PDB file of N, CA and C in Angstrom:
ATOM      1  N   UNK A   1     119.469  80.035  77.680  1.00  0.00           N
ATOM      2  CA  UNK A   1     118.436  80.361  78.641  1.00  0.00           C
ATOM      3  C   UNK A   1     117.638  81.563  78.121  1.00  0.00           C
ATOM      4  N   UNK A   2     116.320  81.456  78.143  1.00  0.00           N
ATOM      5  CA  UNK A   2     115.447  82.513  77.644  1.00  0.00           C
ATOM      6  C   UNK A   2     115.273  83.599  78.713  1.00  0.00           C
ATOM      7  N   UNK A   3     115.112  84.812  78.240  1.00  0.00           N
ATOM      8  CA  UNK A   3     114.841  85.926  79.143  1.00  0.00           C
ATOM      9  C   UNK A   3     113.362  85.944  79.494  1.00  0.00           C
ATOM     10  N   UNK A   4     113.075  86.239  80.742  1.00  0.00           N
ATOM     11  CA  UNK A   4     111.688  86.394  81.171  1.00  0.00           C
ATOM     12  C   UNK A   4     111.404  87.874  81.364  1.00  0.00           C
ATOM     13  N   UNK A   5     110.289  88.321  80.845  1.00  0.00           N
ATOM     14  CA  UNK A   5     109.869  89.707  81.015  1.00  0.00           C
ATOM     15  C   UNK A   5     108.616  89.728  81.875  1.00  0.00           C
ATOM     16  N   UNK A   6     108.567  90.684  82.781  1.00  0.00           N
ATOM     17  CA  UNK A   6     107.451  90.785  83.717  1.00  0.00           C
ATOM     18  C   UNK A   6     106.812  92.166  83.607  1.00  0.00           C
ATOM     19  N   UNK A   7     105.543  92.209  83.967  1.00  0.00           N
ATOM     20  CA  UNK A   7     104.804  93.472  83.930  1.00  0.00           C
ATOM     21  C   UNK A   7     105.454  94.515  84.844  1.00  0.00           C
ATOM     22  N   UNK A   8     105.848  94.096  86.026  1.00  0.00           N
ATOM     23  CA  UNK A   8     106.550  94.953  86.979  1.00  0.00           C
ATOM     24  C   UNK A   8     107.584  94.089  87.700  1.00  0.00           C
ATOM     25  N   UNK A   9     108.528  94.687  88.384  1.00  0.00           N
ATOM     26  CA  UNK A   9     109.477  93.876  89.162  1.00  0.00           C
ATOM     27  C   UNK A   9     108.783  93.007  90.212  1.00  0.00           C
ATOM     28  N   UNK A  10     107.667  93.482  90.749  1.00  0.00           N
ATOM     29  CA  UNK A  10     106.946  92.694  91.747  1.00  0.00           C
ATOM     30  C   UNK A  10     106.465  91.370  91.171  1.00  0.00           C
ATOM     31  N   UNK A  11     106.101  91.374  89.895  1.00  0.00           N
ATOM     32  CA  UNK A  11     105.589  90.162  89.266  1.00  0.00           C
ATOM     33  C   UNK A  11     106.665  89.080  89.107  1.00  0.00           C
ATOM     34  N   UNK A  12     107.914  89.446  89.236  1.00  0.00           N
ATOM     35  CA  UNK A  12     108.994  88.463  89.125  1.00  0.00           C
ATOM     36  C   UNK A  12     109.115  87.615  90.389  1.00  0.00           C
ATOM     37  N   UNK A  13     108.696  88.152  91.531  1.00  0.00           N
ATOM     38  CA  UNK A  13     108.922  87.463  92.798  1.00  0.00           C
ATOM     39  C   UNK A  13     107.660  87.186  93.604  1.00  0.00           C
ATOM     40  N   UNK A  14     106.539  87.810  93.223  1.00  0.00           N
ATOM     41  CA  UNK A  14     105.307  87.651  93.990  1.00  0.00           C
ATOM     42  C   UNK A  14     104.233  86.998  93.121  1.00  0.00           C
ATOM     43  N   UNK A  15     103.213  86.499  93.771  1.00  0.00           N
ATOM     44  CA  UNK A  15     102.074  85.984  93.023  1.00  0.00           C
ATOM     45  C   UNK A  15     101.406  87.160  92.306  1.00  0.00           C
ATOM     46  N   UNK A  16     100.674  86.928  91.242  1.00  0.00           N
ATOM     47  CA  UNK A  16     100.000  88.040  90.557  1.00  0.00           C
ATOM     48  C   UNK A  16      99.116  88.863  91.498  1.00  0.00           C
ATOM     49  N   UNK A  17      98.435  88.196  92.419  1.00  0.00           N
ATOM     50  CA  UNK A  17      97.564  88.897  93.376  1.00  0.00           C
ATOM     51  C   UNK A  17      98.379  89.830  94.281  1.00  0.00           C
ATOM     52  N   UNK A  18      99.462  89.329  94.844  1.00  0.00           N
ATOM     53  CA  UNK A  18     100.303  90.147  95.717  1.00  0.00           C
ATOM     54  C   UNK A  18     101.022  91.243  94.926  1.00  0.00           C
ATOM     55  N   UNK A  19     101.455  90.926  93.723  1.00  0.00           N
ATOM     56  CA  UNK A  19     102.134  91.919  92.892  1.00  0.00           C
ATOM     57  C   UNK A  19     101.204  93.081  92.574  1.00  0.00           C
ATOM     58  N   UNK A  20      99.957  92.789  92.295  1.00  0.00           N
ATOM     59  CA  UNK A  20      98.986  93.842  92.004  1.00  0.00           C
ATOM     60  C   UNK A  20      98.826  94.785  93.188  1.00  0.00           C
ATOM     61  N   UNK A  21      98.742  94.223  94.395  1.00  0.00           N
ATOM     62  CA  UNK A  21      98.641  95.052  95.601  1.00  0.00           C
ATOM     63  C   UNK A  21      99.913  95.869  95.819  1.00  0.00           C
ATOM     64  N   UNK A  22     101.057  95.272  95.573  1.00  0.00           N
ATOM     65  CA  UNK A  22     102.327  95.984  95.756  1.00  0.00           C
ATOM     66  C   UNK A  22     102.446  97.161  94.803  1.00  0.00           C
ATOM     67  N   UNK A  23     102.000  96.978  93.578  1.00  0.00           N
ATOM     68  CA  UNK A  23     102.037  98.077  92.601  1.00  0.00           C
ATOM     69  C   UNK A  23     101.145  99.217  93.076  1.00  0.00           C
ATOM     70  N   UNK A  24      99.938  98.910  93.520  1.00  0.00           N
ATOM     71  CA  UNK A  24      99.016  99.945  93.991  1.00  0.00           C
ATOM     72  C   UNK A  24      99.591 100.664  95.211  1.00  0.00           C
ATOM     73  N   UNK A  25     100.144  99.914  96.159  1.00  0.00           N
ATOM     74  CA  UNK A  25     100.737 100.535  97.350  1.00  0.00           C
ATOM     75  C   UNK A  25     101.919 101.417  96.973  1.00  0.00           C
ATOM     76  N   UNK A  26     102.714 100.982  96.014  1.00  0.00           N
ATOM     77  CA  UNK A  26     103.856 101.790  95.569  1.00  0.00           C
ATOM     78  C   UNK A  26     103.382 103.100  94.967  1.00  0.00           C
ATOM     79  N   UNK A  27     102.394 103.039  94.100  1.00  0.00           N
ATOM     80  CA  UNK A  27     101.896 104.259  93.455  1.00  0.00           C
ATOM     81  C   UNK A  27     101.303 105.228  94.469  1.00  0.00           C
ATOM     82  N   UNK A  28     100.572 104.696  95.449  1.00  0.00           N
ATOM     83  CA  UNK A  28      99.984 105.554  96.478  1.00  0.00           C
ATOM     84  C   UNK A  28     101.077 106.171  97.358  1.00  0.00           C
ATOM     85  N   UNK A  29     102.084 105.382  97.696  1.00  0.00           N
ATOM     86  CA  UNK A  29     103.185 105.881  98.522  1.00  0.00           C
ATOM     87  C   UNK A  29     103.951 106.985  97.799  1.00  0.00           C
ATOM     88  N   UNK A  30     104.189 106.805  96.521  1.00  0.00           N
ATOM     89  CA  UNK A  30     104.870 107.843  95.733  1.00  0.00           C
ATOM     90  C   UNK A  30     104.046 109.125  95.728  1.00  0.00           C
ATOM     91  N   UNK A  31     102.736 108.995  95.562  1.00  0.00           N
ATOM     92  CA  UNK A  31     101.854 110.174  95.567  1.00  0.00           C
ATOM     93  C   UNK A  31     101.957 110.914  96.899  1.00  0.00           C
ATOM     94  N   UNK A  32     101.887 110.180  97.994  1.00  0.00           N
ATOM     95  CA  UNK A  32     101.969 110.783  99.328  1.00  0.00           C
ATOM     96  C   UNK A  32     103.331 111.439  99.530  1.00  0.00           C
ATOM     97  N   UNK A  33     104.389 110.739  99.166  1.00  0.00           N
ATOM     98  CA  UNK A  33     105.746 111.299  99.295  1.00  0.00           C
ATOM     99  C   UNK A  33     105.877 112.589  98.496  1.00  0.00           C
ATOM    100  N   UNK A  34     105.365 112.596  97.267  1.00  0.00           N
ATOM    101  CA  UNK A  34     105.449 113.793  96.434  1.00  0.00           C
ATOM    102  C   UNK A  34     104.683 114.967  97.044  1.00  0.00           C
ATOM    103  N   UNK A  35     103.543 114.689  97.661  1.00  0.00           N
ATOM    104  CA  UNK A  35     102.763 115.754  98.320  1.00  0.00           C
ATOM    105  C   UNK A  35     103.547 116.317  99.501  1.00  0.00           C
ATOM    106  N   UNK A  36     104.137 115.441 100.295  1.00  0.00           N
ATOM    107  CA  UNK A  36     104.928 115.894 101.450  1.00  0.00           C
ATOM    108  C   UNK A  36     106.101 116.747 100.975  1.00  0.00           C
ATOM    109  N   UNK A  37     106.817 116.270  99.960  1.00  0.00           N
ATOM    110  CA  UNK A  37     107.971 117.020  99.455  1.00  0.00           C
ATOM    111  C   UNK A  37     107.556 118.355  98.849  1.00  0.00           C
ATOM    112  N   UNK A  38     106.492 118.366  98.062  1.00  0.00           N
ATOM    113  CA  UNK A  38     106.082 119.618  97.408  1.00  0.00           C
ATOM    114  C   UNK A  38     105.514 120.620  98.411  1.00  0.00           C
ATOM    115  N   UNK A  39     105.044 120.120  99.546  1.00  0.00           N
ATOM    116  CA  UNK A  39     104.550 121.010 100.603  1.00  0.00           C
ATOM    117  C   UNK A  39     105.687 121.595 101.423  1.00  0.00           C
ATOM    118  N   UNK A  40     106.885 121.029 101.272  1.00  0.00           N
ATOM    119  CA  UNK A  40     108.048 121.518 102.006  1.00  0.00           C
ATOM    120  C   UNK A  40     108.040 121.146 103.473  1.00  0.00           C
ATOM    121  N   UNK A  41     107.261 120.131 103.833  1.00  0.00           N
ATOM    122  CA  UNK A  41     107.171 119.726 105.225  1.00  0.00           C
ATOM    123  C   UNK A  41     108.376 118.896 105.650  1.00  0.00           C
ATOM    124  N   UNK A  42     108.778 119.089 106.891  1.00  0.00           N
ATOM    125  CA  UNK A  42     109.714 118.153 107.493  1.00  0.00           C
ATOM    126  C   UNK A  42     108.919 116.891 107.825  1.00  0.00           C
ATOM    127  N   UNK A  43     109.618 115.829 108.174  1.00  0.00           N
ATOM    128  CA  UNK A  43     108.901 114.612 108.548  1.00  0.00           C
ATOM    129  C   UNK A  43     108.057 114.834 109.802  1.00  0.00           C
ATOM    130  N   UNK A  44     108.544 115.659 110.711  1.00  0.00           N
ATOM    131  CA  UNK A  44     107.780 115.950 111.927  1.00  0.00           C
ATOM    132  C   UNK A  44     106.512 116.731 111.591  1.00  0.00           C
ATOM    133  N   UNK A  45     106.625 117.723 110.710  1.00  0.00           N
ATOM    134  CA  UNK A  45     105.441 118.480 110.293  1.00  0.00           C
ATOM    135  C   UNK A  45     104.442 117.577 109.584  1.00  0.00           C
ATOM    136  N   UNK A  46     104.930 116.722 108.710  1.00  0.00           N
ATOM    137  CA  UNK A  46     104.046 115.796 107.991  1.00  0.00           C
ATOM    138  C   UNK A  46     103.358 114.843 108.969  1.00  0.00           C
ATOM    139  N   UNK A  47     104.080 114.407 109.984  1.00  0.00           N
ATOM    140  CA  UNK A  47     103.490 113.473 110.953  1.00  0.00           C
ATOM    141  C   UNK A  47     102.311 114.117 111.677  1.00  0.00           C
ATOM    142  N   UNK A  48     102.403 115.402 111.953  1.00  0.00           N
ATOM    143  CA  UNK A  48     101.299 116.104 112.620  1.00  0.00           C
ATOM    144  C   UNK A  48     100.093 116.233 111.693  1.00  0.00           C
ATOM    145  N   UNK A  49     100.333 116.539 110.437  1.00  0.00           N
ATOM    146  CA  UNK A  49      99.243 116.653 109.463  1.00  0.00           C
ATOM    147  C   UNK A  49      98.563 115.299 109.251  1.00  0.00           C
ATOM    148  N   UNK A  50      99.358 114.248 109.194  1.00  0.00           N
ATOM    149  CA  UNK A  50      98.840 112.920 108.882  1.00  0.00           C
ATOM    150  C   UNK A  50      98.353 112.138 110.095  1.00  0.00           C
ATOM    151  N   UNK A  51      98.655 112.642 111.284  1.00  0.00           N
ATOM    152  CA  UNK A  51      98.224 111.949 112.492  1.00  0.00           C
ATOM    153  C   UNK A  51      98.955 110.636 112.738  1.00  0.00           C
ATOM    154  N   UNK A  52     100.205 110.572 112.288  1.00  0.00           N
ATOM    155  CA  UNK A  52     101.046 109.397 112.525  1.00  0.00           C
ATOM    156  C   UNK A  52     102.342 109.872 113.152  1.00  0.00           C
ATOM    157  N   UNK A  53     103.129 108.955 113.668  1.00  0.00           N
ATOM    158  CA  UNK A  53     104.395 109.391 114.253  1.00  0.00           C
ATOM    159  C   UNK A  53     105.459 109.559 113.164  1.00  0.00           C
ATOM    160  N   UNK A  54     106.522 110.261 113.500  1.00  0.00           N
ATOM    161  CA  UNK A  54     107.573 110.584 112.531  1.00  0.00           C
ATOM    162  C   UNK A  54     108.212 109.346 111.907  1.00  0.00           C
ATOM    163  N   UNK A  55     108.449 108.259 112.676  1.00  0.00           N
ATOM    164  CA  UNK A  55     109.013 107.071 112.025  1.00  0.00           C
ATOM    165  C   UNK A  55     108.121 106.501 110.914  1.00  0.00           C
ATOM    166  N   UNK A  56     106.791 106.643 111.057  1.00  0.00           N
ATOM    167  CA  UNK A  56     105.880 106.191 109.986  1.00  0.00           C
ATOM    168  C   UNK A  56     106.073 107.047 108.739  1.00  0.00           C
ATOM    169  N   UNK A  57     106.257 108.354 108.926  1.00  0.00           N
ATOM    170  CA  UNK A  57     106.521 109.231 107.782  1.00  0.00           C
ATOM    171  C   UNK A  57     107.839 108.842 107.136  1.00  0.00           C
ATOM    172  N   UNK A  58     108.834 108.531 107.942  1.00  0.00           N
ATOM    173  CA  UNK A  58     110.116 108.084 107.408  1.00  0.00           C
ATOM    174  C   UNK A  58     109.938 106.830 106.554  1.00  0.00           C
ATOM    175  N   UNK A  59     109.118 105.893 107.030  1.00  0.00           N
ATOM    176  CA  UNK A  59     108.839 104.683 106.248  1.00  0.00           C
ATOM    177  C   UNK A  59     108.199 105.030 104.907  1.00  0.00           C
ATOM    178  N   UNK A  60     107.278 105.985 104.917  1.00  0.00           N
ATOM    179  CA  UNK A  60     106.653 106.435 103.668  1.00  0.00           C
ATOM    180  C   UNK A  60     107.682 107.023 102.719  1.00  0.00           C
ATOM    181  N   UNK A  61     108.506 107.909 103.250  1.00  0.00           N
ATOM    182  CA  UNK A  61     109.483 108.609 102.424  1.00  0.00           C
ATOM    183  C   UNK A  61     110.520 107.654 101.839  1.00  0.00           C
ATOM    184  N   UNK A  62     110.782 106.567 102.525  1.00  0.00           N
ATOM    185  CA  UNK A  62     111.758 105.575 102.062  1.00  0.00           C
ATOM    186  C   UNK A  62     111.126 104.477 101.203  1.00  0.00           C
ATOM    187  N   UNK A  63     109.796 104.589 100.980  1.00  0.00           N
ATOM    188  CA  UNK A  63     109.124 103.616 100.122  1.00  0.00           C
ATOM    189  C   UNK A  63     108.991 102.231 100.732  1.00  0.00           C
ATOM    190  N   UNK A  64     108.890 102.150 102.030  1.00  0.00           N
ATOM    191  CA  UNK A  64     108.765 100.856 102.696  1.00  0.00           C
ATOM    192  C   UNK A  64     107.296 100.408 102.669  1.00  0.00           C
ATOM    193  N   UNK A  65     106.861 100.011 101.488  1.00  0.00           N
ATOM    194  CA  UNK A  65     105.445  99.691 101.278  1.00  0.00           C
ATOM    195  C   UNK A  65     104.979  98.493 102.092  1.00  0.00           C
ATOM    196  N   UNK A  66     105.889  97.614 102.461  1.00  0.00           N
ATOM    197  CA  UNK A  66     105.509  96.430 103.237  1.00  0.00           C
ATOM    198  C   UNK A  66     105.004  96.802 104.633  1.00  0.00           C
ATOM    199  N   UNK A  67     105.258  98.011 105.078  1.00  0.00           N
ATOM    200  CA  UNK A  67     104.836  98.458 106.401  1.00  0.00           C
ATOM    201  C   UNK A  67     103.450  99.098 106.394  1.00  0.00           C
ATOM    202  N   UNK A  68     102.809  99.166 105.211  1.00  0.00           N
ATOM    203  CA  UNK A  68     101.516  99.827 105.083  1.00  0.00           C
ATOM    204  C   UNK A  68     100.506  98.928 104.384  1.00  0.00           C
ATOM    205  N   UNK A  69      99.274  99.019 104.834  1.00  0.00           N
ATOM    206  CA  UNK A  69      98.179  98.372 104.117  1.00  0.00           C
ATOM    207  C   UNK A  69      97.591  99.390 103.147  1.00  0.00           C
ATOM    208  N   UNK A  70      96.857  98.912 102.196  1.00  0.00           N
ATOM    209  CA  UNK A  70      96.165  99.824 101.275  1.00  0.00           C
ATOM    210  C   UNK A  70      95.212 100.707 102.068  1.00  0.00           C
ATOM    211  N   UNK A  71      94.546 100.139 103.052  1.00  0.00           N
ATOM    212  CA  UNK A  71      93.621 100.896 103.894  1.00  0.00           C
ATOM    213  C   UNK A  71      94.338 102.041 104.619  1.00  0.00           C
ATOM    214  N   UNK A  72      95.524 101.782 105.157  1.00  0.00           N
ATOM    215  CA  UNK A  72      96.285 102.820 105.861  1.00  0.00           C
ATOM    216  C   UNK A  72      96.680 103.940 104.903  1.00  0.00           C
ATOM    217  N   UNK A  73      97.077 103.589 103.690  1.00  0.00           N
ATOM    218  CA  UNK A  73      97.463 104.606 102.710  1.00  0.00           C
ATOM    219  C   UNK A  73      96.266 105.452 102.284  1.00  0.00           C
ATOM    220  N   UNK A  74      95.101 104.827 102.153  1.00  0.00           N
ATOM    221  CA  UNK A  74      93.888 105.586 101.830  1.00  0.00           C
ATOM    222  C   UNK A  74      93.553 106.545 102.964  1.00  0.00           C
ATOM    223  N   UNK A  75      93.723 106.103 104.207  1.00  0.00           N
ATOM    224  CA  UNK A  75      93.475 106.980 105.356  1.00  0.00           C
ATOM    225  C   UNK A  75      94.415 108.183 105.344  1.00  0.00           C
ATOM    226  N   UNK A  76      95.671 107.951 104.993  1.00  0.00           N
ATOM    227  CA  UNK A  76      96.630 109.053 104.908  1.00  0.00           C
ATOM    228  C   UNK A  76      96.218 110.026 103.808  1.00  0.00           C
ATOM    229  N   UNK A  77      95.802 109.494 102.674  1.00  0.00           N
ATOM    230  CA  UNK A  77      95.324 110.368 101.597  1.00  0.00           C
ATOM    231  C   UNK A  77      94.087 111.154 102.032  1.00  0.00           C
ATOM    232  N   UNK A  78      93.206 110.520 102.805  1.00  0.00           N
ATOM    233  CA  UNK A  78      92.040 111.235 103.345  1.00  0.00           C
ATOM    234  C   UNK A  78      92.496 112.423 104.196  1.00  0.00           C
ATOM    235  N   UNK A  79      93.535 112.193 105.032  1.00  0.00           N
ATOM    236  CA  UNK A  79      94.060 113.265 105.878  1.00  0.00           C
ATOM    237  C   UNK A  79      94.676 114.396 105.056  1.00  0.00           C
ATOM    238  N   UNK A  80      95.075 114.083 103.836  1.00  0.00           N
ATOM    239  CA  UNK A  80      95.638 115.101 102.936  1.00  0.00           C
ATOM    240  C   UNK A  80      94.565 115.788 102.092  1.00  0.00           C
ATOM    241  N   UNK A  81      93.290 115.455 102.335  1.00  0.00           N
ATOM    242  CA  UNK A  81      92.196 116.115 101.637  1.00  0.00           C
ATOM    243  C   UNK A  81      91.721 115.410 100.382  1.00  0.00           C
ATOM    244  N   UNK A  82      92.023 114.122 100.259  1.00  0.00           N
ATOM    245  CA  UNK A  82      91.602 113.364  99.088  1.00  0.00           C
ATOM    246  C   UNK A  82      90.416 112.473  99.427  1.00  0.00           C
ATOM    247  N   UNK A  83      89.670 112.127  98.404  1.00  0.00           N
ATOM    248  CA  UNK A  83      88.578 111.169  98.517  1.00  0.00           C
ATOM    249  C   UNK A  83      88.880 110.036  97.549  1.00  0.00           C
ATOM    250  N   UNK A  84      88.745 108.816  98.016  1.00  0.00           N
ATOM    251  CA  UNK A  84      88.977 107.647  97.178  1.00  0.00           C
ATOM    252  C   UNK A  84      87.640 106.992  96.866  1.00  0.00           C
ATOM    253  N   UNK A  85      87.505 106.538  95.641  1.00  0.00           N
ATOM    254  CA  UNK A  85      86.282 105.830  95.263  1.00  0.00           C
ATOM    255  C   UNK A  85      86.628 104.726  94.271  1.00  0.00           C
ATOM    256  N   UNK A  86      85.763 103.750  94.239  1.00  0.00           N
ATOM    257  CA  UNK A  86      85.912 102.626  93.320  1.00  0.00           C
ATOM    258  C   UNK A  86      84.787 102.743  92.310  1.00  0.00           C
ATOM    259  N   UNK A  87      85.135 102.812  91.043  1.00  0.00           N
ATOM    260  CA  UNK A  87      84.150 102.985  89.979  1.00  0.00           C
ATOM    261  C   UNK A  87      84.142 101.733  89.118  1.00  0.00           C
ATOM    262  N   UNK A  88      83.020 101.030  89.134  1.00  0.00           N
ATOM    263  CA  UNK A  88      82.870  99.831  88.314  1.00  0.00           C
ATOM    264  C   UNK A  88      82.181 100.227  87.020  1.00  0.00           C
ATOM    265  N   UNK A  89      82.898 100.109  85.925  1.00  0.00           N
ATOM    266  CA  UNK A  89      82.347 100.498  84.626  1.00  0.00           C
ATOM    267  C   UNK A  89      81.487  99.386  84.046  1.00  0.00           C
ATOM    268  N   UNK A  90      81.919  98.169  84.211  1.00  0.00           N
ATOM    269  CA  UNK A  90      81.184  96.989  83.762  1.00  0.00           C
ATOM    270  C   UNK A  90      81.807  95.785  84.445  1.00  0.00           C
ATOM    271  N   UNK A  91      81.432  94.595  84.047  1.00  0.00           N
ATOM    272  CA  UNK A  91      81.964  93.393  84.695  1.00  0.00           C
ATOM    273  C   UNK A  91      83.425  93.126  84.366  1.00  0.00           C
ATOM    274  N   UNK A  92      83.993  93.864  83.432  1.00  0.00           N
ATOM    275  CA  UNK A  92      85.369  93.628  83.008  1.00  0.00           C
ATOM    276  C   UNK A  92      86.308  94.791  83.272  1.00  0.00           C
ATOM    277  N   UNK A  93      85.782  95.886  83.792  1.00  0.00           N
ATOM    278  CA  UNK A  93      86.623  97.074  83.953  1.00  0.00           C
ATOM    279  C   UNK A  93      86.166  97.912  85.139  1.00  0.00           C
ATOM    280  N   UNK A  94      87.134  98.340  85.925  1.00  0.00           N
ATOM    281  CA  UNK A  94      86.867  99.218  87.060  1.00  0.00           C
ATOM    282  C   UNK A  94      88.109 100.053  87.306  1.00  0.00           C
ATOM    283  N   UNK A  95      87.947 101.105  88.095  1.00  0.00           N
ATOM    284  CA  UNK A  95      89.101 101.939  88.432  1.00  0.00           C
ATOM    285  C   UNK A  95      88.967 102.473  89.850  1.00  0.00           C
ATOM    286  N   UNK A  96      90.103 102.723  90.448  1.00  0.00           N
ATOM    287  CA  UNK A  96      90.137 103.386  91.740  1.00  0.00           C
ATOM    288  C   UNK A  96      90.451 104.842  91.450  1.00  0.00           C
ATOM    289  N   UNK A  97      89.591 105.710  91.921  1.00  0.00           N
ATOM    290  CA  UNK A  97      89.754 107.140  91.663  1.00  0.00           C
ATOM    291  C   UNK A  97      90.116 107.824  92.976  1.00  0.00           C
ATOM    292  N   UNK A  98      91.175 108.621  92.933  1.00  0.00           N
ATOM    293  CA  UNK A  98      91.600 109.388  94.103  1.00  0.00           C
ATOM    294  C   UNK A  98      91.693 110.838  93.669  1.00  0.00           C
ATOM    295  N   UNK A  99      90.867 111.686  94.278  1.00  0.00           N
ATOM    296  CA  UNK A  99      90.878 113.094  93.892  1.00  0.00           C
ATOM    297  C   UNK A  99      90.811 113.991  95.117  1.00  0.00           C
ATOM    298  N   UNK A 100      91.446 115.142  94.986  1.00  0.00           N
ATOM    299  CA  UNK A 100      91.474 116.108  96.083  1.00  0.00           C
ATOM    300  C   UNK A 100      90.106 116.763  96.184  1.00  0.00           C
ATOM    301  N   UNK A 101      89.547 116.759  97.381  1.00  0.00           N
ATOM    302  CA  UNK A 101      88.246 117.392  97.609  1.00  0.00           C
ATOM    303  C   UNK A 101      88.349 118.538  98.608  1.00  0.00           C
ATOM    304  N   UNK A 102      89.452 118.585  99.347  1.00  0.00           N
ATOM    305  CA  UNK A 102      89.647 119.665 100.311  1.00  0.00           C
ATOM    306  C   UNK A 102      91.010 120.299 100.060  1.00  0.00           C
ATOM    307  N   UNK A 103      91.073 121.592 100.219  1.00  0.00           N
ATOM    308  CA  UNK A 103      92.341 122.294  99.994  1.00  0.00           C
ATOM    309  C   UNK A 103      92.921 122.839 101.281  1.00  0.00           C
ATOM    310  N   UNK A 104      92.445 122.352 102.423  1.00  0.00           N
ATOM    311  CA  UNK A 104      92.914 122.884 103.710  1.00  0.00           C
ATOM    312  C   UNK A 104      94.335 122.454 104.044  1.00  0.00           C
ATOM    313  N   UNK A 105      94.840 121.419 103.399  1.00  0.00           N
ATOM    314  CA  UNK A 105      96.191 120.928 103.706  1.00  0.00           C
ATOM    315  C   UNK A 105      97.184 121.518 102.749  1.00  0.00           C
TER     316      UNK A 105
END
């Protein structure tokens, strides 16, 4: 039996379209979790900053990406002082850029 190699673990079980979204949601969730941890916030403190309830923060911290849409994660990043943009370089290449624009958080 031959070994199969996949781009990510998501690609082993999901369609390429769904796997791509799962990878993006995972990366965004990790970024948010790292910001919460580096800020030293409790989940309750983070929930107040993010405008969500504490169980939602718990879901973020546990990496439960299936409970979040990409739109919801972008909104959370906005609450943390980030701006998201989509940059189309040409018909074959684009990137999603997320950068901090406010330092109030």
